[in-house]
Amino acid sequence: MSNLRKYFEANRKMWDKFAKDHYSSETYKTEAFLEGKTTLNSIELEELGDVKGKTLLHLQCHFGLDTLSWAREGAMVTGVDFSSDAINLARELAEKTNLDAQFIESNVYDLSNVLDSKFDIVFTSYGVHCWLNDLNRWAEIVAHFLNPSGTFYIAEFHPFMWMFDWDATDDFKFKRSYFHSDEPHEFEVDASYGGAQIEPQVDYEWAHGMGKVISAIVSAGLRIEFMHEFPKSPFQQFPFFKQRDDGYWYYENPDVQLPLVYSIRAKKTVDL
């Protein structure tokens, strides 16, 4: 097994362990979703706009809450994730909610081997890039699955946040490099961010700066319509973040506002 396959397989096994915990965790609010509440945030809802009647491919969809929330918005959805346990839960949710959705178990890089369709929209969000080693190849796959003039949209944690110690309790502390390395960072993991303890294991993650992200998207033949940066996050990325009435989490220092999340919307212009 190549090192890259070893990294992906270790990460996949970890996400299999996380899936059931996340399904029942307060972080994901599955019960609220089953009662009819959307799991989408105002950022992506406002920026992607009306999806009624459009085909939408959701890459790295986990167990499908956002995918199915887009279905409730009127999109014809397909969700993709490399975790078999997550995909099984997504299919169960689709059945429970009587929502029409297709879910496919696949690594993003292998998707063209199992899916032969084009989409009006390719969507991905929040915590996706760190699991990918090659953004140029990723962007080419995004472009491959878009219809002519199709739309790509990503909302993601800002790579600036990658540099800081995630366990710091009172303020930001620099810990790691902003820039990409072909060799992944190794992290000892003994708990899910959903709360459950797991048997300790190593996961593998890659850093990608904004230059890498934007260059990959443009090189794949997509025309960027906008890139936005936000001083707020839908998740509590650091223990010292505070949640406001709008539901977002903020770094509460009025003199130092940092980019926590970014979004990009792009259009397909050429077939590569």
C-alpha atoms as a PDB file:
ATOM      1  CA  MET A   1       0.000   0.000   0.000  1.00  0.00           C
ATOM      2  CA  SER A   2       1.363   3.424  -0.938  1.00  0.00           C
ATOM      3  CA  ASN A   3       1.799   6.019   1.783  1.00  0.00           C
ATOM      4  CA  LEU A   4      -1.034   8.078   0.312  1.00  0.00           C
ATOM      5  CA  ARG A   5      -3.415   5.122   0.387  1.00  0.00           C
ATOM      6  CA  LYS A   6      -2.306   4.424   3.958  1.00  0.00           C
ATOM      7  CA  TYR A   7      -3.157   7.989   4.947  1.00  0.00           C
ATOM      8  CA  PHE A   8      -6.569   7.885   3.287  1.00  0.00           C
ATOM      9  CA  GLU A   9      -7.393   4.491   4.775  1.00  0.00           C
ATOM     10  CA  ALA A  10      -6.481   5.603   8.301  1.00  0.00           C
ATOM     11  CA  ASN A  11      -8.639   8.709   7.891  1.00  0.00           C
ATOM     12  CA  ARG A  12     -11.527   6.701   6.478  1.00  0.00           C
ATOM     13  CA  LYS A  13     -11.489   4.317   9.445  1.00  0.00           C
ATOM     14  CA  MET A  14     -11.517   7.276  11.820  1.00  0.00           C
ATOM     15  CA  TRP A  15     -14.528   8.837  10.070  1.00  0.00           C
ATOM     16  CA  ASP A  16     -16.331   5.493  10.225  1.00  0.00           C
ATOM     17  CA  LYS A  17     -15.873   5.661  14.007  1.00  0.00           C
ATOM     18  CA  PHE A  18     -17.035   9.277  14.108  1.00  0.00           C
ATOM     19  CA  ALA A  19     -20.193   8.783  12.043  1.00  0.00           C
ATOM     20  CA  LYS A  20     -22.524   7.281  14.661  1.00  0.00           C
ATOM     21  CA  ASP A  21     -21.273   9.623  17.373  1.00  0.00           C
ATOM     22  CA  HIS A  22     -21.857  12.656  15.172  1.00  0.00           C
ATOM     23  CA  TYR A  23     -25.321  11.421  14.239  1.00  0.00           C
ATOM     24  CA  SER A  24     -26.383  11.575  17.902  1.00  0.00           C
ATOM     25  CA  SER A  25     -24.253  14.543  19.001  1.00  0.00           C
ATOM     26  CA  GLU A  26     -25.411  18.035  19.887  1.00  0.00           C
ATOM     27  CA  THR A  27     -22.855  19.349  17.393  1.00  0.00           C
ATOM     28  CA  TYR A  28     -24.875  18.113  14.418  1.00  0.00           C
ATOM     29  CA  LYS A  29     -28.409  18.486  15.815  1.00  0.00           C
ATOM     30  CA  THR A  30     -29.830  15.560  13.862  1.00  0.00           C
ATOM     31  CA  GLU A  31     -33.090  15.543  15.827  1.00  0.00           C
ATOM     32  CA  ALA A  32     -33.722  19.180  14.941  1.00  0.00           C
ATOM     33  CA  PHE A  33     -33.097  18.304  11.301  1.00  0.00           C
ATOM     34  CA  LEU A  34     -35.591  15.428  11.500  1.00  0.00           C
ATOM     35  CA  GLU A  35     -38.124  17.906  12.878  1.00  0.00           C
ATOM     36  CA  GLY A  36     -37.670  20.061   9.778  1.00  0.00           C
ATOM     37  CA  LYS A  37     -34.856  22.481  10.613  1.00  0.00           C
ATOM     38  CA  THR A  38     -32.152  23.140   8.029  1.00  0.00           C
ATOM     39  CA  THR A  39     -28.505  22.467   8.846  1.00  0.00           C
ATOM     40  CA  LEU A  40     -27.335  25.009   6.280  1.00  0.00           C
ATOM     41  CA  ASN A  41     -25.987  28.361   7.418  1.00  0.00           C
ATOM     42  CA  SER A  42     -26.993  31.806   6.227  1.00  0.00           C
ATOM     43  CA  ILE A  43     -23.612  32.198   4.501  1.00  0.00           C
ATOM     44  CA  GLU A  44     -24.139  29.406   1.978  1.00  0.00           C
ATOM     45  CA  LEU A  45     -27.906  29.845   1.706  1.00  0.00           C
ATOM     46  CA  GLU A  46     -27.567  33.510   0.758  1.00  0.00           C
ATOM     47  CA  GLU A  47     -24.505  33.168  -1.453  1.00  0.00           C
ATOM     48  CA  LEU A  48     -25.455  30.090  -3.452  1.00  0.00           C
ATOM     49  CA  GLY A  49     -29.007  31.326  -3.913  1.00  0.00           C
ATOM     50  CA  ASP A  50     -32.003  29.542  -5.407  1.00  0.00           C
ATOM     51  CA  VAL A  51     -31.319  25.847  -6.084  1.00  0.00           C
ATOM     52  CA  LYS A  52     -34.857  24.761  -6.976  1.00  0.00           C
ATOM     53  CA  GLY A  53     -34.865  22.259  -9.815  1.00  0.00           C
ATOM     54  CA  LYS A  54     -31.068  22.169 -10.054  1.00  0.00           C
ATOM     55  CA  THR A  55     -28.842  19.115  -9.772  1.00  0.00           C
ATOM     56  CA  LEU A  56     -26.347  19.394  -6.917  1.00  0.00           C
ATOM     57  CA  LEU A  57     -23.306  17.260  -6.131  1.00  0.00           C
ATOM     58  CA  HIS A  58     -22.126  17.499  -2.512  1.00  0.00           C
ATOM     59  CA  LEU A  59     -18.517  16.385  -2.061  1.00  0.00           C
ATOM     60  CA  GLN A  60     -17.390  15.042   1.340  1.00  0.00           C
ATOM     61  CA  CYS A  61     -20.959  15.097   2.625  1.00  0.00           C
ATOM     62  CA  HIS A  62     -20.371  13.115   5.875  1.00  0.00           C
ATOM     63  CA  PHE A  63     -23.758  11.610   6.849  1.00  0.00           C
ATOM     64  CA  GLY A  64     -25.780  13.845   4.597  1.00  0.00           C
ATOM     65  CA  LEU A  65     -27.453  16.505   6.736  1.00  0.00           C
ATOM     66  CA  ASP A  66     -26.459  19.402   4.484  1.00  0.00           C
ATOM     67  CA  THR A  67     -27.096  17.334   1.364  1.00  0.00           C
ATOM     68  CA  LEU A  68     -30.637  16.629   2.492  1.00  0.00           C
ATOM     69  CA  SER A  69     -31.097  20.230   3.598  1.00  0.00           C
ATOM     70  CA  TRP A  70     -30.342  21.248   0.002  1.00  0.00           C
ATOM     71  CA  ALA A  71     -32.959  18.707  -1.103  1.00  0.00           C
ATOM     72  CA  ARG A  72     -35.455  20.518   1.115  1.00  0.00           C
ATOM     73  CA  GLU A  73     -34.474  23.712  -0.718  1.00  0.00           C
ATOM     74  CA  GLY A  74     -35.553  22.047  -3.950  1.00  0.00           C
ATOM     75  CA  ALA A  75     -32.279  20.684  -5.354  1.00  0.00           C
ATOM     76  CA  MET A  76     -31.880  17.211  -6.855  1.00  0.00           C
ATOM     77  CA  VAL A  77     -28.994  16.009  -4.723  1.00  0.00           C
ATOM     78  CA  THR A  78     -26.152  13.505  -4.796  1.00  0.00           C
ATOM     79  CA  GLY A  79     -23.877  13.203  -1.760  1.00  0.00           C
ATOM     80  CA  VAL A  80     -20.422  11.625  -1.753  1.00  0.00           C
ATOM     81  CA  ASP A  81     -18.257  10.505   1.159  1.00  0.00           C
ATOM     82  CA  PHE A  82     -15.514   7.915   1.654  1.00  0.00           C
ATOM     83  CA  SER A  83     -16.951   6.619   4.947  1.00  0.00           C
ATOM     84  CA  SER A  84     -19.278   3.659   4.448  1.00  0.00           C
ATOM     85  CA  ASP A  85     -20.819   4.149   7.896  1.00  0.00           C
ATOM     86  CA  ALA A  86     -21.559   7.804   7.136  1.00  0.00           C
ATOM     87  CA  ILE A  87     -23.126   6.960   3.778  1.00  0.00           C
ATOM     88  CA  ASN A  88     -25.321   4.277   5.361  1.00  0.00           C
ATOM     89  CA  LEU A  89     -26.562   6.822   7.910  1.00  0.00           C
ATOM     90  CA  ALA A  90     -27.205   9.340   5.127  1.00  0.00           C
ATOM     91  CA  ARG A  91     -29.350   6.814   3.281  1.00  0.00           C
ATOM     92  CA  GLU A  92     -31.279   6.099   6.486  1.00  0.00           C
ATOM     93  CA  LEU A  93     -31.910   9.826   6.957  1.00  0.00           C
ATOM     94  CA  ALA A  94     -33.149  10.172   3.388  1.00  0.00           C
ATOM     95  CA  GLU A  95     -35.590   7.327   4.000  1.00  0.00           C
ATOM     96  CA  LYS A  96     -36.751   8.749   7.350  1.00  0.00           C
ATOM     97  CA  THR A  97     -37.398  12.177   5.850  1.00  0.00           C
ATOM     98  CA  ASN A  98     -38.801  10.888   2.550  1.00  0.00           C
ATOM     99  CA  LEU A  99     -36.321  13.056   0.659  1.00  0.00           C
ATOM    100  CA  ASP A 100     -35.097  12.041  -2.792  1.00  0.00           C
ATOM    101  CA  ALA A 101     -31.308  11.763  -2.647  1.00  0.00           C
ATOM    102  CA  GLN A 102     -28.513   9.590  -3.978  1.00  0.00           C
ATOM    103  CA  PHE A 103     -25.546   8.797  -1.725  1.00  0.00           C
ATOM    104  CA  ILE A 104     -22.304   7.334  -3.044  1.00  0.00           C
ATOM    105  CA  GLU A 105     -19.416   5.860  -1.067  1.00  0.00           C
ATOM    106  CA  SER A 106     -16.215   7.075  -2.702  1.00  0.00           C
ATOM    107  CA  ASN A 107     -13.020   8.972  -2.143  1.00  0.00           C
ATOM    108  CA  VAL A 108     -13.302  12.266  -4.056  1.00  0.00           C
ATOM    109  CA  TYR A 109     -10.267  11.347  -6.138  1.00  0.00           C
ATOM    110  CA  ASP A 110     -11.903   8.082  -7.275  1.00  0.00           C
ATOM    111  CA  LEU A 111     -15.345   9.519  -7.969  1.00  0.00           C
ATOM    112  CA  SER A 112     -15.141   9.520 -11.762  1.00  0.00           C
ATOM    113  CA  ASN A 113     -14.795   5.715 -11.592  1.00  0.00           C
ATOM    114  CA  VAL A 114     -18.246   5.324 -10.010  1.00  0.00           C
ATOM    115  CA  LEU A 115     -20.259   8.370 -11.111  1.00  0.00           C
ATOM    116  CA  ASP A 116     -21.010   9.355 -14.708  1.00  0.00           C
ATOM    117  CA  SER A 117     -23.161  12.472 -14.403  1.00  0.00           C
ATOM    118  CA  LYS A 118     -22.847  16.234 -14.724  1.00  0.00           C
ATOM    119  CA  PHE A 119     -24.332  18.713 -12.269  1.00  0.00           C
ATOM    120  CA  ASP A 120     -25.575  22.281 -12.210  1.00  0.00           C
ATOM    121  CA  ILE A 121     -23.879  22.821  -8.842  1.00  0.00           C
ATOM    122  CA  VAL A 122     -20.923  21.254  -7.051  1.00  0.00           C
ATOM    123  CA  PHE A 123     -20.940  22.124  -3.346  1.00  0.00           C
ATOM    124  CA  THR A 124     -18.569  21.444  -0.456  1.00  0.00           C
ATOM    125  CA  SER A 125     -18.163  22.981   2.975  1.00  0.00           C
ATOM    126  CA  TYR A 126     -16.433  23.294   6.355  1.00  0.00           C
ATOM    127  CA  GLY A 127     -13.495  21.049   7.116  1.00  0.00           C
ATOM    128  CA  VAL A 128     -12.933  19.453   3.719  1.00  0.00           C
ATOM    129  CA  HIS A 129      -9.578  20.618   2.366  1.00  0.00           C
ATOM    130  CA  CYS A 130      -7.419  19.285   5.198  1.00  0.00           C
ATOM    131  CA  TRP A 131      -8.281  15.713   4.151  1.00  0.00           C
ATOM    132  CA  LEU A 132      -7.097  16.259   0.563  1.00  0.00           C
ATOM    133  CA  ASN A 133      -3.444  16.114  -0.457  1.00  0.00           C
ATOM    134  CA  ASP A 134      -3.718  17.622  -3.966  1.00  0.00           C
ATOM    135  CA  LEU A 135      -5.973  20.621  -4.602  1.00  0.00           C
ATOM    136  CA  ASN A 136      -5.133  20.849  -8.311  1.00  0.00           C
ATOM    137  CA  ARG A 137      -6.489  17.357  -8.854  1.00  0.00           C
ATOM    138  CA  TRP A 138      -9.464  18.125  -6.587  1.00  0.00           C
ATOM    139  CA  ALA A 139     -10.377  21.225  -8.611  1.00  0.00           C
ATOM    140  CA  GLU A 140     -10.122  19.275 -11.869  1.00  0.00           C
ATOM    141  CA  ILE A 141     -12.618  16.776 -10.449  1.00  0.00           C
ATOM    142  CA  VAL A 142     -14.947  19.620  -9.458  1.00  0.00           C
ATOM    143  CA  ALA A 143     -14.773  20.999 -13.003  1.00  0.00           C
ATOM    144  CA  HIS A 144     -15.266  17.540 -14.516  1.00  0.00           C
ATOM    145  CA  PHE A 145     -18.613  17.090 -12.780  1.00  0.00           C
ATOM    146  CA  LEU A 146     -19.996  20.528 -13.646  1.00  0.00           C
ATOM    147  CA  ASN A 147     -22.348  21.163 -16.532  1.00  0.00           C
ATOM    148  CA  PRO A 148     -21.296  23.906 -18.968  1.00  0.00           C
ATOM    149  CA  SER A 149     -21.788  27.184 -17.076  1.00  0.00           C
ATOM    150  CA  GLY A 150     -22.299  25.186 -13.870  1.00  0.00           C
ATOM    151  CA  THR A 151     -21.588  26.696 -10.454  1.00  0.00           C
ATOM    152  CA  PHE A 152     -19.029  25.625  -7.877  1.00  0.00           C
ATOM    153  CA  TYR A 153     -19.417  26.828  -4.302  1.00  0.00           C
ATOM    154  CA  ILE A 154     -17.280  26.271  -1.223  1.00  0.00           C
ATOM    155  CA  ALA A 155     -17.588  27.619   2.319  1.00  0.00           C
ATOM    156  CA  GLU A 156     -14.571  26.548   4.340  1.00  0.00           C
ATOM    157  CA  PHE A 157     -12.577  27.298   7.463  1.00  0.00           C
ATOM    158  CA  HIS A 158      -9.963  29.918   6.643  1.00  0.00           C
ATOM    159  CA  PRO A 159      -6.467  28.417   6.283  1.00  0.00           C
ATOM    160  CA  PHE A 160      -5.124  31.176   8.527  1.00  0.00           C
ATOM    161  CA  MET A 161      -6.739  29.252  11.411  1.00  0.00           C
ATOM    162  CA  TRP A 162      -4.624  26.201  10.598  1.00  0.00           C
ATOM    163  CA  MET A 163      -1.555  27.828  12.163  1.00  0.00           C
ATOM    164  CA  PHE A 164      -2.928  27.981  15.695  1.00  0.00           C
ATOM    165  CA  ASP A 165      -2.995  25.518  18.577  1.00  0.00           C
ATOM    166  CA  TRP A 166      -6.558  24.170  18.643  1.00  0.00           C
ATOM    167  CA  ASP A 167      -6.268  23.296  22.336  1.00  0.00           C
ATOM    168  CA  ALA A 168      -5.264  26.776  23.516  1.00  0.00           C
ATOM    169  CA  THR A 169      -7.823  27.882  26.091  1.00  0.00           C
ATOM    170  CA  ASP A 170      -7.408  31.660  26.343  1.00  0.00           C
ATOM    171  CA  ASP A 171      -6.059  33.086  23.063  1.00  0.00           C
ATOM    172  CA  PHE A 172      -4.408  32.202  19.763  1.00  0.00           C
ATOM    173  CA  LYS A 173      -0.992  30.548  19.938  1.00  0.00           C
ATOM    174  CA  PHE A 174       1.010  29.805  16.804  1.00  0.00           C
ATOM    175  CA  LYS A 175       1.798  26.116  16.388  1.00  0.00           C
ATOM    176  CA  ARG A 176       2.179  25.061  12.723  1.00  0.00           C
ATOM    177  CA  SER A 177       3.072  26.378   9.285  1.00  0.00           C
ATOM    178  CA  TYR A 178       0.516  28.044   7.030  1.00  0.00           C
ATOM    179  CA  PHE A 179       2.075  26.585   3.884  1.00  0.00           C
ATOM    180  CA  HIS A 180       1.437  23.270   2.154  1.00  0.00           C
ATOM    181  CA  SER A 181       3.737  20.280   2.445  1.00  0.00           C
ATOM    182  CA  ASP A 182       3.376  17.064   0.461  1.00  0.00           C
ATOM    183  CA  GLU A 183       3.891  15.127   3.671  1.00  0.00           C
ATOM    184  CA  PRO A 184       0.824  15.380   5.925  1.00  0.00           C
ATOM    185  CA  HIS A 185       0.674  16.532   9.505  1.00  0.00           C
ATOM    186  CA  GLU A 186       0.075  13.628  11.890  1.00  0.00           C
ATOM    187  CA  PHE A 187      -2.325  14.072  14.799  1.00  0.00           C
ATOM    188  CA  GLU A 188      -2.996  11.720  17.713  1.00  0.00           C
ATOM    189  CA  VAL A 189      -6.772  11.457  18.037  1.00  0.00           C
ATOM    190  CA  ASP A 190      -8.595   9.918  21.005  1.00  0.00           C
ATOM    191  CA  ALA A 191     -11.937  11.720  20.782  1.00  0.00           C
ATOM    192  CA  SER A 192     -14.394  12.980  18.211  1.00  0.00           C
ATOM    193  CA  TYR A 193     -15.213  16.681  18.122  1.00  0.00           C
ATOM    194  CA  GLY A 194     -18.763  15.423  18.591  1.00  0.00           C
ATOM    195  CA  GLY A 195     -17.745  14.332  22.085  1.00  0.00           C
ATOM    196  CA  ALA A 196     -17.218  10.557  22.048  1.00  0.00           C
ATOM    197  CA  GLN A 197     -13.988   8.877  23.112  1.00  0.00           C
ATOM    198  CA  ILE A 198     -12.386   6.537  20.578  1.00  0.00           C
ATOM    199  CA  GLU A 199      -9.423   4.198  20.665  1.00  0.00           C
ATOM    200  CA  PRO A 200      -6.356   6.406  20.077  1.00  0.00           C
ATOM    201  CA  GLN A 201      -5.200   6.560  16.485  1.00  0.00           C
ATOM    202  CA  VAL A 202      -3.340   8.817  14.068  1.00  0.00           C
ATOM    203  CA  ASP A 203      -5.021  10.909  11.404  1.00  0.00           C
ATOM    204  CA  TYR A 204      -3.308  12.667   8.506  1.00  0.00           C
ATOM    205  CA  GLU A 205      -4.077  16.196   7.343  1.00  0.00           C
ATOM    206  CA  TRP A 206      -2.712  18.697   4.830  1.00  0.00           C
ATOM    207  CA  ALA A 207      -2.475  22.494   4.974  1.00  0.00           C
ATOM    208  CA  HIS A 208      -3.493  24.547   1.923  1.00  0.00           C
ATOM    209  CA  GLY A 209      -3.064  28.321   1.830  1.00  0.00           C
ATOM    210  CA  MET A 210      -5.479  30.635   0.017  1.00  0.00           C
ATOM    211  CA  GLY A 211      -3.059  30.953  -2.897  1.00  0.00           C
ATOM    212  CA  LYS A 212      -3.202  27.181  -3.417  1.00  0.00           C
ATOM    213  CA  VAL A 213      -6.997  27.154  -3.243  1.00  0.00           C
ATOM    214  CA  ILE A 214      -7.547  30.014  -5.687  1.00  0.00           C
ATOM    215  CA  SER A 215      -4.868  28.879  -8.144  1.00  0.00           C
ATOM    216  CA  ALA A 216      -6.293  25.353  -8.243  1.00  0.00           C
ATOM    217  CA  ILE A 217      -9.810  26.607  -8.982  1.00  0.00           C
ATOM    218  CA  VAL A 218      -8.655  28.975 -11.736  1.00  0.00           C
ATOM    219  CA  SER A 219      -6.319  26.385 -13.293  1.00  0.00           C
ATOM    220  CA  ALA A 220      -9.240  23.964 -13.587  1.00  0.00           C
ATOM    221  CA  GLY A 221     -11.049  26.390 -15.898  1.00  0.00           C
ATOM    222  CA  LEU A 222     -13.387  27.965 -13.363  1.00  0.00           C
ATOM    223  CA  ARG A 223     -13.990  31.717 -13.249  1.00  0.00           C
ATOM    224  CA  ILE A 224     -14.207  33.034  -9.701  1.00  0.00           C
ATOM    225  CA  GLU A 225     -17.217  35.306  -9.190  1.00  0.00           C
ATOM    226  CA  PHE A 226     -16.321  36.223  -5.635  1.00  0.00           C
ATOM    227  CA  MET A 227     -14.275  35.298  -2.618  1.00  0.00           C
ATOM    228  CA  HIS A 228     -15.533  36.464   0.763  1.00  0.00           C
ATOM    229  CA  GLU A 229     -13.920  36.271   4.199  1.00  0.00           C
ATOM    230  CA  PHE A 230     -15.827  36.278   7.478  1.00  0.00           C
ATOM    231  CA  PRO A 231     -14.895  37.046  11.116  1.00  0.00           C
ATOM    232  CA  LYS A 232     -17.373  34.379  12.238  1.00  0.00           C
ATOM    233  CA  SER A 233     -17.732  30.612  12.111  1.00  0.00           C
ATOM    234  CA  PRO A 234     -20.702  28.242  12.362  1.00  0.00           C
ATOM    235  CA  PHE A 235     -18.581  26.041  14.652  1.00  0.00           C
ATOM    236  CA  GLN A 236     -16.622  26.676  17.835  1.00  0.00           C
ATOM    237  CA  GLN A 237     -13.174  26.170  16.349  1.00  0.00           C
ATOM    238  CA  PHE A 238     -11.375  27.296  19.526  1.00  0.00           C
ATOM    239  CA  PRO A 239     -12.412  27.004  23.206  1.00  0.00           C
ATOM    240  CA  PHE A 240     -12.313  30.783  23.724  1.00  0.00           C
ATOM    241  CA  PHE A 241     -14.744  31.631  20.886  1.00  0.00           C
ATOM    242  CA  LYS A 242     -18.094  33.101  21.966  1.00  0.00           C
ATOM    243  CA  GLN A 243     -21.448  32.477  20.305  1.00  0.00           C
ATOM    244  CA  ARG A 244     -23.697  35.427  19.474  1.00  0.00           C
ATOM    245  CA  ASP A 245     -27.438  35.622  18.920  1.00  0.00           C
ATOM    246  CA  ASP A 246     -26.988  35.015  15.174  1.00  0.00           C
ATOM    247  CA  GLY A 247     -25.726  31.491  15.971  1.00  0.00           C
ATOM    248  CA  TYR A 248     -22.183  32.123  14.756  1.00  0.00           C
ATOM    249  CA  TRP A 249     -19.020  31.911  16.860  1.00  0.00           C
ATOM    250  CA  TYR A 250     -16.653  34.886  17.140  1.00  0.00           C
ATOM    251  CA  TYR A 251     -13.234  35.807  18.444  1.00  0.00           C
ATOM    252  CA  GLU A 252     -14.274  38.508  20.895  1.00  0.00           C
ATOM    253  CA  ASN A 253     -11.480  41.008  20.464  1.00  0.00           C
ATOM    254  CA  PRO A 254     -12.816  44.218  18.866  1.00  0.00           C
ATOM    255  CA  ASP A 255      -9.296  45.382  17.992  1.00  0.00           C
ATOM    256  CA  VAL A 256      -8.251  42.176  16.212  1.00  0.00           C
ATOM    257  CA  GLN A 257     -10.783  40.617  13.864  1.00  0.00           C
ATOM    258  CA  LEU A 258      -9.402  37.556  12.076  1.00  0.00           C
ATOM    259  CA  PRO A 259     -10.723  35.636   9.054  1.00  0.00           C
ATOM    260  CA  LEU A 260     -12.359  32.472  10.399  1.00  0.00           C
ATOM    261  CA  VAL A 261     -14.247  31.334   7.294  1.00  0.00           C
ATOM    262  CA  TYR A 262     -14.045  32.066   3.570  1.00  0.00           C
ATOM    263  CA  SER A 263     -16.366  31.357   0.662  1.00  0.00           C
ATOM    264  CA  ILE A 264     -15.819  31.147  -3.091  1.00  0.00           C
ATOM    265  CA  ARG A 265     -18.348  30.934  -5.911  1.00  0.00           C
ATOM    266  CA  ALA A 266     -17.083  30.117  -9.382  1.00  0.00           C
ATOM    267  CA  LYS A 267     -18.485  29.317 -12.819  1.00  0.00           C
ATOM    268  CA  LYS A 268     -17.292  26.721 -15.279  1.00  0.00           C
ATOM    269  CA  THR A 269     -15.936  28.364 -18.412  1.00  0.00           C
ATOM    270  CA  VAL A 270     -13.991  25.664 -20.272  1.00  0.00           C
ATOM    271  CA  ASP A 271     -13.733  21.881 -20.460  1.00  0.00           C
ATOM    272  CA  LEU A 272     -10.230  20.671 -19.692  1.00  0.00           C
END
